[in-house]
Every structure is written in C-alpha cells, then in structure tokens.
Amino acid sequence: MLLAKIWFQFDRKYCRNYPQFFGKEKGGTMSLLGLLAFWLFILFAAALQWTAFHDGMELWFGLSISMATVAFAIFYLFGLSIFAAPVVFYGAYVAWGWPWYQAVLLAAPAVVITSILLRFRGIKGVFSRV
C-alpha cells in the first residue's frame, strides 16, 4: 500500500509535468517502466558478471574475493572491460560448467549482439547513412 502511494505521488509530481521523459501522453508511465526494467536487467547482468569474474579469478589466479572485487572495479571504471571478459568467460565456463556459447554471451554481450546484427543486416547496412 505504501509503495502504491509513493508511486502515485511520483506519477503526479514528475510524470504529468514532464511527459517527454515518461511517455507521449501526459501521465504515461510505460516508458518509465521500460527504463526501470532495462536498468534492473543491467544490474542483474552486472551481478552475474561480477560473480563469474570472482570465480574465474579464484580458479585461475587464486585471488580472494576482495582482490577480485578491486580488479573488477578497476577494469570497469577505467574502460578495460576487454581484459575482464576472458576471466568472466573462464569463471562461467570452467567454474559454473556453462556451455561455451552462454559463457561468451555473459562475458561479452555487446560483441555477440553486434556480430548477430552484422550477420543479418550486413556490414553495408549497418554503416550506411539513411
């Protein structure tokens, strides 16, 4: 009940005053819910990546959870996630026993999605101007 009350206050205060951010019509909240679902998915994927990174660092290098957390933070804060991807793959593939394609999707989702788009659309279609 309290959550519904908070939501209605948020809806009345922000969604109706700024329709360009929260939907096409005044009070539309579907785009806000979609944005919330997207960010929840991103947080869930980041938690899975961190856990696989931790297990990969523990098996591959023998590092503790605190050292793995520091390394994960350094890799992602400075844009060096390309160095974290092999460790995430190793953790998901070896430690968890996932199939290789699922481990690759967890370790490098942007690379997989881009390669699928290039396969179906073609390089010319992706890079051409409309």
N, C-alpha and C. Protein backbone atom coordinates (compact mmCIF):
# COMPACT_ATOMS: atom_id res chain seq x y z
N MET A 1 0.82 -1.19 0.00
CA MET A 1 0.00 0.00 0.00
C MET A 1 0.87 1.25 0.00
N LEU A 2 1.92 1.22 0.80
CA LEU A 2 2.81 2.36 0.88
C LEU A 2 3.53 2.57 -0.45
N LEU A 3 3.91 1.47 -1.10
CA LEU A 3 4.58 1.57 -2.38
C LEU A 3 3.67 2.20 -3.44
N ALA A 4 2.39 1.81 -3.43
CA ALA A 4 1.44 2.40 -4.37
C ALA A 4 1.26 3.90 -4.10
N LYS A 5 1.23 4.29 -2.85
CA LYS A 5 1.09 5.70 -2.52
C LYS A 5 2.31 6.50 -2.99
N ILE A 6 3.50 5.95 -2.78
CA ILE A 6 4.72 6.61 -3.25
C ILE A 6 4.71 6.72 -4.77
N TRP A 7 4.28 5.63 -5.44
CA TRP A 7 4.26 5.66 -6.91
C TRP A 7 3.30 6.72 -7.43
N PHE A 8 2.12 6.83 -6.83
CA PHE A 8 1.15 7.80 -7.30
C PHE A 8 1.64 9.23 -7.06
N GLN A 9 2.35 9.45 -5.95
CA GLN A 9 2.92 10.78 -5.72
C GLN A 9 3.99 11.09 -6.76
N PHE A 10 4.83 10.10 -7.07
CA PHE A 10 5.84 10.29 -8.10
C PHE A 10 5.19 10.56 -9.44
N ASP A 11 4.14 9.80 -9.76
CA ASP A 11 3.45 9.95 -11.03
C ASP A 11 2.84 11.35 -11.14
N ARG A 12 2.21 11.81 -10.10
CA ARG A 12 1.56 13.12 -10.12
C ARG A 12 2.59 14.24 -10.19
N LYS A 13 3.70 14.10 -9.49
CA LYS A 13 4.67 15.18 -9.41
C LYS A 13 5.56 15.26 -10.65
N TYR A 14 6.05 14.12 -11.15
CA TYR A 14 7.03 14.14 -12.23
C TYR A 14 6.47 13.74 -13.58
N CYS A 15 5.72 12.65 -13.63
CA CYS A 15 5.28 12.12 -14.93
C CYS A 15 4.32 13.05 -15.64
N ARG A 16 3.45 13.70 -14.93
CA ARG A 16 2.48 14.58 -15.57
C ARG A 16 3.10 15.91 -15.97
N ASN A 17 4.16 16.33 -15.27
CA ASN A 17 4.80 17.60 -15.59
C ASN A 17 5.85 17.47 -16.68
N TYR A 18 6.41 16.29 -16.86
CA TYR A 18 7.45 16.08 -17.86
C TYR A 18 7.08 14.90 -18.77
N PRO A 19 6.08 15.08 -19.64
CA PRO A 19 5.63 13.94 -20.46
C PRO A 19 6.67 13.50 -21.48
N GLN A 20 7.60 14.37 -21.85
CA GLN A 20 8.59 13.98 -22.84
C GLN A 20 9.55 12.92 -22.29
N PHE A 21 9.69 12.81 -20.98
CA PHE A 21 10.57 11.82 -20.40
C PHE A 21 9.86 10.52 -20.04
N PHE A 22 8.57 10.59 -19.80
CA PHE A 22 7.86 9.43 -19.28
C PHE A 22 6.73 8.94 -20.17
N GLY A 23 6.71 9.30 -21.41
CA GLY A 23 5.67 8.83 -22.31
C GLY A 23 5.17 9.95 -23.20
N LYS A 24 4.46 9.60 -24.26
CA LYS A 24 3.99 10.59 -25.22
C LYS A 24 2.81 11.39 -24.70
N GLU A 25 1.95 10.76 -23.94
CA GLU A 25 0.81 11.49 -23.43
C GLU A 25 1.06 11.87 -21.98
N LYS A 26 0.33 12.82 -21.50
CA LYS A 26 0.53 13.25 -20.11
C LYS A 26 0.19 12.11 -19.16
N GLY A 27 1.10 11.85 -18.26
CA GLY A 27 0.88 10.80 -17.29
C GLY A 27 1.23 9.42 -17.78
N GLY A 28 1.77 9.29 -18.98
CA GLY A 28 2.15 7.98 -19.47
C GLY A 28 3.37 7.46 -18.74
N THR A 29 3.28 6.26 -18.19
CA THR A 29 4.38 5.73 -17.40
C THR A 29 4.97 4.46 -17.99
N MET A 30 4.56 4.08 -19.19
CA MET A 30 5.08 2.83 -19.76
C MET A 30 6.55 2.95 -20.11
N SER A 31 6.99 4.09 -20.62
CA SER A 31 8.41 4.22 -20.95
C SER A 31 9.24 4.25 -19.68
N LEU A 32 8.70 4.79 -18.60
CA LEU A 32 9.41 4.77 -17.33
C LEU A 32 9.56 3.34 -16.82
N LEU A 33 8.51 2.55 -16.95
CA LEU A 33 8.59 1.15 -16.53
C LEU A 33 9.56 0.37 -17.40
N GLY A 34 9.60 0.67 -18.70
CA GLY A 34 10.56 0.03 -19.58
C GLY A 34 11.99 0.39 -19.21
N LEU A 35 12.21 1.66 -18.88
CA LEU A 35 13.53 2.10 -18.45
C LEU A 35 13.93 1.43 -17.14
N LEU A 36 13.00 1.30 -16.22
CA LEU A 36 13.27 0.62 -14.96
C LEU A 36 13.59 -0.85 -15.19
N ALA A 37 12.85 -1.51 -16.07
CA ALA A 37 13.14 -2.91 -16.37
C ALA A 37 14.50 -3.07 -17.03
N PHE A 38 14.87 -2.13 -17.90
CA PHE A 38 16.18 -2.17 -18.54
C PHE A 38 17.29 -2.06 -17.50
N TRP A 39 17.17 -1.11 -16.58
CA TRP A 39 18.21 -0.94 -15.58
C TRP A 39 18.26 -2.11 -14.61
N LEU A 40 17.14 -2.71 -14.29
CA LEU A 40 17.16 -3.92 -13.45
C LEU A 40 17.86 -5.06 -14.16
N PHE A 41 17.65 -5.19 -15.47
CA PHE A 41 18.35 -6.21 -16.24
C PHE A 41 19.85 -5.94 -16.26
N ILE A 42 20.25 -4.69 -16.43
CA ILE A 42 21.67 -4.33 -16.44
C ILE A 42 22.31 -4.66 -15.09
N LEU A 43 21.63 -4.34 -14.00
CA LEU A 43 22.17 -4.66 -12.67
C LEU A 43 22.27 -6.16 -12.46
N PHE A 44 21.30 -6.91 -12.93
CA PHE A 44 21.33 -8.36 -12.82
C PHE A 44 22.49 -8.94 -13.63
N ALA A 45 22.69 -8.44 -14.84
CA ALA A 45 23.79 -8.92 -15.67
C ALA A 45 25.14 -8.55 -15.06
N ALA A 46 25.24 -7.35 -14.47
CA ALA A 46 26.49 -6.95 -13.83
C ALA A 46 26.78 -7.82 -12.61
N ALA A 47 25.76 -8.18 -11.86
CA ALA A 47 25.96 -9.07 -10.71
C ALA A 47 26.42 -10.46 -11.17
N LEU A 48 25.84 -10.96 -12.25
CA LEU A 48 26.29 -12.24 -12.78
C LEU A 48 27.73 -12.16 -13.28
N GLN A 49 28.08 -11.07 -13.96
CA GLN A 49 29.44 -10.91 -14.44
C GLN A 49 30.43 -10.81 -13.28
N TRP A 50 30.06 -10.08 -12.25
CA TRP A 50 30.95 -9.96 -11.10
C TRP A 50 31.16 -11.32 -10.44
N THR A 51 30.11 -12.10 -10.29
CA THR A 51 30.23 -13.41 -9.67
C THR A 51 31.09 -14.35 -10.52
N ALA A 52 30.88 -14.32 -11.82
CA ALA A 52 31.72 -15.15 -12.70
C ALA A 52 33.16 -14.66 -12.69
N PHE A 53 33.37 -13.35 -12.63
CA PHE A 53 34.71 -12.80 -12.55
C PHE A 53 35.40 -13.26 -11.27
N HIS A 54 34.66 -13.22 -10.16
CA HIS A 54 35.23 -13.66 -8.89
C HIS A 54 35.63 -15.13 -8.95
N ASP A 55 34.75 -15.97 -9.46
CA ASP A 55 35.07 -17.40 -9.54
C ASP A 55 36.21 -17.67 -10.51
N GLY A 56 36.26 -16.91 -11.60
CA GLY A 56 37.37 -17.06 -12.55
C GLY A 56 38.70 -16.63 -11.96
N MET A 57 38.71 -15.52 -11.23
CA MET A 57 39.95 -15.07 -10.58
C MET A 57 40.40 -16.04 -9.50
N GLU A 58 39.43 -16.61 -8.80
CA GLU A 58 39.78 -17.56 -7.75
C GLU A 58 40.37 -18.85 -8.33
N LEU A 59 39.79 -19.35 -9.40
CA LEU A 59 40.30 -20.57 -10.00
C LEU A 59 41.58 -20.35 -10.81
N TRP A 60 41.62 -19.27 -11.56
CA TRP A 60 42.73 -19.04 -12.49
C TRP A 60 43.97 -18.50 -11.76
N PHE A 61 43.75 -17.51 -10.87
CA PHE A 61 44.88 -16.86 -10.22
C PHE A 61 44.96 -17.11 -8.72
N GLY A 62 43.93 -17.66 -8.12
CA GLY A 62 43.93 -17.92 -6.69
C GLY A 62 43.73 -16.67 -5.84
N LEU A 63 43.07 -15.65 -6.38
CA LEU A 63 42.85 -14.41 -5.64
C LEU A 63 41.58 -14.51 -4.79
N SER A 64 41.57 -13.75 -3.71
CA SER A 64 40.41 -13.75 -2.82
C SER A 64 39.30 -12.87 -3.39
N ILE A 65 38.17 -12.83 -2.70
CA ILE A 65 37.02 -12.07 -3.17
C ILE A 65 37.31 -10.57 -3.13
N SER A 66 38.06 -10.12 -2.15
CA SER A 66 38.36 -8.68 -2.07
C SER A 66 39.27 -8.24 -3.21
N MET A 67 40.28 -9.04 -3.52
CA MET A 67 41.17 -8.68 -4.63
C MET A 67 40.43 -8.75 -5.97
N ALA A 68 39.54 -9.75 -6.10
CA ALA A 68 38.75 -9.85 -7.33
C ALA A 68 37.81 -8.67 -7.48
N THR A 69 37.25 -8.20 -6.39
CA THR A 69 36.36 -7.04 -6.44
C THR A 69 37.12 -5.79 -6.83
N VAL A 70 38.32 -5.61 -6.28
CA VAL A 70 39.14 -4.45 -6.64
C VAL A 70 39.52 -4.52 -8.12
N ALA A 71 39.93 -5.69 -8.59
CA ALA A 71 40.31 -5.84 -10.00
C ALA A 71 39.11 -5.59 -10.91
N PHE A 72 37.94 -6.11 -10.55
CA PHE A 72 36.73 -5.90 -11.34
C PHE A 72 36.38 -4.42 -11.42
N ALA A 73 36.48 -3.72 -10.29
CA ALA A 73 36.17 -2.29 -10.26
C ALA A 73 37.17 -1.50 -11.12
N ILE A 74 38.44 -1.86 -11.04
CA ILE A 74 39.45 -1.16 -11.83
C ILE A 74 39.20 -1.38 -13.32
N PHE A 75 38.93 -2.63 -13.69
CA PHE A 75 38.70 -2.92 -15.11
C PHE A 75 37.51 -2.15 -15.66
N TYR A 76 36.41 -2.10 -14.92
CA TYR A 76 35.21 -1.47 -15.45
C TYR A 76 35.20 0.04 -15.26
N LEU A 77 35.86 0.56 -14.25
CA LEU A 77 35.90 2.01 -14.07
C LEU A 77 36.78 2.70 -15.11
N PHE A 78 37.85 2.04 -15.52
CA PHE A 78 38.76 2.64 -16.48
C PHE A 78 38.53 2.17 -17.90
N GLY A 79 37.42 1.50 -18.16
CA GLY A 79 37.09 1.08 -19.51
C GLY A 79 37.94 -0.06 -20.04
N LEU A 80 38.44 -0.88 -19.16
CA LEU A 80 39.29 -2.00 -19.55
C LEU A 80 38.53 -3.33 -19.45
N SER A 81 37.26 -3.28 -19.77
CA SER A 81 36.45 -4.49 -19.62
C SER A 81 36.86 -5.59 -20.59
N ILE A 82 37.62 -5.25 -21.62
CA ILE A 82 38.11 -6.26 -22.55
C ILE A 82 39.06 -7.22 -21.83
N PHE A 83 39.73 -6.75 -20.78
CA PHE A 83 40.61 -7.61 -20.01
C PHE A 83 39.84 -8.46 -19.00
N ALA A 84 38.66 -8.01 -18.63
CA ALA A 84 37.84 -8.77 -17.69
C ALA A 84 37.04 -9.87 -18.38
N ALA A 85 36.78 -9.71 -19.66
CA ALA A 85 35.93 -10.66 -20.39
C ALA A 85 36.50 -12.09 -20.39
N PRO A 86 37.81 -12.30 -20.61
CA PRO A 86 38.31 -13.69 -20.55
C PRO A 86 38.16 -14.32 -19.18
N VAL A 87 38.30 -13.52 -18.12
CA VAL A 87 38.16 -14.06 -16.77
C VAL A 87 36.70 -14.40 -16.49
N VAL A 88 35.77 -13.54 -16.96
CA VAL A 88 34.34 -13.83 -16.80
C VAL A 88 33.99 -15.10 -17.58
N PHE A 89 34.52 -15.23 -18.80
CA PHE A 89 34.28 -16.43 -19.59
C PHE A 89 34.82 -17.66 -18.87
N TYR A 90 36.03 -17.57 -18.34
CA TYR A 90 36.64 -18.70 -17.64
C TYR A 90 35.83 -19.09 -16.41
N GLY A 91 35.37 -18.10 -15.67
CA GLY A 91 34.56 -18.39 -14.48
C GLY A 91 33.24 -19.05 -14.82
N ALA A 92 32.58 -18.57 -15.87
CA ALA A 92 31.29 -19.16 -16.25
C ALA A 92 31.47 -20.53 -16.89
N TYR A 93 32.52 -20.69 -17.70
CA TYR A 93 32.72 -21.93 -18.44
C TYR A 93 33.30 -23.05 -17.56
N VAL A 94 34.33 -22.74 -16.80
CA VAL A 94 35.00 -23.77 -16.01
C VAL A 94 34.36 -23.93 -14.63
N ALA A 95 34.18 -22.82 -13.92
CA ALA A 95 33.69 -22.92 -12.54
C ALA A 95 32.21 -23.31 -12.48
N TRP A 96 31.41 -22.72 -13.34
CA TRP A 96 29.97 -22.99 -13.30
C TRP A 96 29.55 -24.11 -14.21
N GLY A 97 30.38 -24.46 -15.18
CA GLY A 97 30.04 -25.54 -16.10
C GLY A 97 29.04 -25.14 -17.17
N TRP A 98 28.96 -23.86 -17.50
CA TRP A 98 28.05 -23.41 -18.55
C TRP A 98 28.59 -23.84 -19.91
N PRO A 99 27.74 -23.99 -20.91
CA PRO A 99 28.22 -24.20 -22.29
C PRO A 99 28.98 -22.96 -22.76
N TRP A 100 29.85 -23.15 -23.74
CA TRP A 100 30.72 -22.06 -24.17
C TRP A 100 29.94 -20.87 -24.72
N TYR A 101 28.83 -21.13 -25.43
CA TYR A 101 28.09 -20.01 -26.02
C TYR A 101 27.39 -19.17 -24.97
N GLN A 102 26.94 -19.78 -23.88
CA GLN A 102 26.34 -18.99 -22.80
C GLN A 102 27.40 -18.19 -22.05
N ALA A 103 28.57 -18.79 -21.89
CA ALA A 103 29.66 -18.08 -21.22
C ALA A 103 30.12 -16.89 -22.05
N VAL A 104 30.18 -17.05 -23.37
CA VAL A 104 30.56 -15.92 -24.24
C VAL A 104 29.50 -14.83 -24.18
N LEU A 105 28.23 -15.20 -24.18
CA LEU A 105 27.15 -14.20 -24.10
C LEU A 105 27.21 -13.43 -22.78
N LEU A 106 27.57 -14.10 -21.70
CA LEU A 106 27.71 -13.41 -20.42
C LEU A 106 28.95 -12.53 -20.40
N ALA A 107 30.06 -13.02 -20.97
CA ALA A 107 31.33 -12.28 -20.89
C ALA A 107 31.35 -11.07 -21.82
N ALA A 108 30.83 -11.20 -23.00
CA ALA A 108 30.90 -10.10 -23.97
C ALA A 108 29.57 -9.97 -24.72
N PRO A 109 28.54 -9.47 -24.06
CA PRO A 109 27.23 -9.40 -24.73
C PRO A 109 27.21 -8.41 -25.89
N ALA A 110 27.95 -7.33 -25.81
CA ALA A 110 27.93 -6.34 -26.90
C ALA A 110 28.57 -6.91 -28.16
N VAL A 111 29.62 -7.68 -28.01
CA VAL A 111 30.27 -8.29 -29.17
C VAL A 111 29.34 -9.29 -29.84
N VAL A 112 28.64 -10.07 -29.05
CA VAL A 112 27.73 -11.08 -29.60
C VAL A 112 26.56 -10.40 -30.30
N ILE A 113 25.97 -9.40 -29.68
CA ILE A 113 24.82 -8.72 -30.29
C ILE A 113 25.24 -8.00 -31.58
N THR A 114 26.41 -7.37 -31.56
CA THR A 114 26.90 -6.68 -32.77
C THR A 114 27.16 -7.67 -33.89
N SER A 115 27.75 -8.81 -33.59
CA SER A 115 28.02 -9.79 -34.63
C SER A 115 26.73 -10.38 -35.20
N ILE A 116 25.71 -10.54 -34.38
CA ILE A 116 24.42 -11.02 -34.88
C ILE A 116 23.79 -9.98 -35.80
N LEU A 117 23.85 -8.70 -35.38
CA LEU A 117 23.30 -7.65 -36.23
C LEU A 117 24.05 -7.54 -37.54
N LEU A 118 25.36 -7.68 -37.51
CA LEU A 118 26.13 -7.63 -38.75
C LEU A 118 25.80 -8.81 -39.65
N ARG A 119 25.54 -9.94 -39.07
CA ARG A 119 25.22 -11.14 -39.85
C ARG A 119 23.89 -10.97 -40.58
N PHE A 120 22.89 -10.46 -39.89
CA PHE A 120 21.57 -10.36 -40.50
C PHE A 120 21.39 -9.11 -41.36
N ARG A 121 22.06 -8.06 -41.02
CA ARG A 121 21.87 -6.81 -41.75
C ARG A 121 22.97 -6.58 -42.78
N GLY A 122 24.14 -7.07 -42.50
CA GLY A 122 25.26 -6.85 -43.39
C GLY A 122 26.03 -5.62 -42.99
N ILE A 123 27.29 -5.61 -43.30
CA ILE A 123 28.15 -4.50 -42.91
C ILE A 123 27.71 -3.22 -43.62
N LYS A 124 27.33 -3.29 -44.87
CA LYS A 124 26.93 -2.10 -45.60
C LYS A 124 25.67 -1.47 -44.98
N GLY A 125 24.73 -2.30 -44.58
CA GLY A 125 23.50 -1.77 -43.99
C GLY A 125 23.71 -1.14 -42.63
N VAL A 126 24.67 -1.62 -41.89
CA VAL A 126 24.93 -1.07 -40.56
C VAL A 126 25.64 0.27 -40.65
N PHE A 127 26.59 0.39 -41.58
CA PHE A 127 27.41 1.58 -41.65
C PHE A 127 26.95 2.60 -42.68
N SER A 128 25.90 2.32 -43.43
CA SER A 128 25.45 3.27 -44.45
C SER A 128 24.58 4.35 -43.79
N ARG A 129 24.56 5.49 -44.41
CA ARG A 129 23.72 6.59 -43.93
C ARG A 129 22.36 6.50 -44.58
N VAL A 130 21.36 6.83 -43.80
CA VAL A 130 19.99 6.75 -44.33
C VAL A 130 19.60 8.06 -44.94
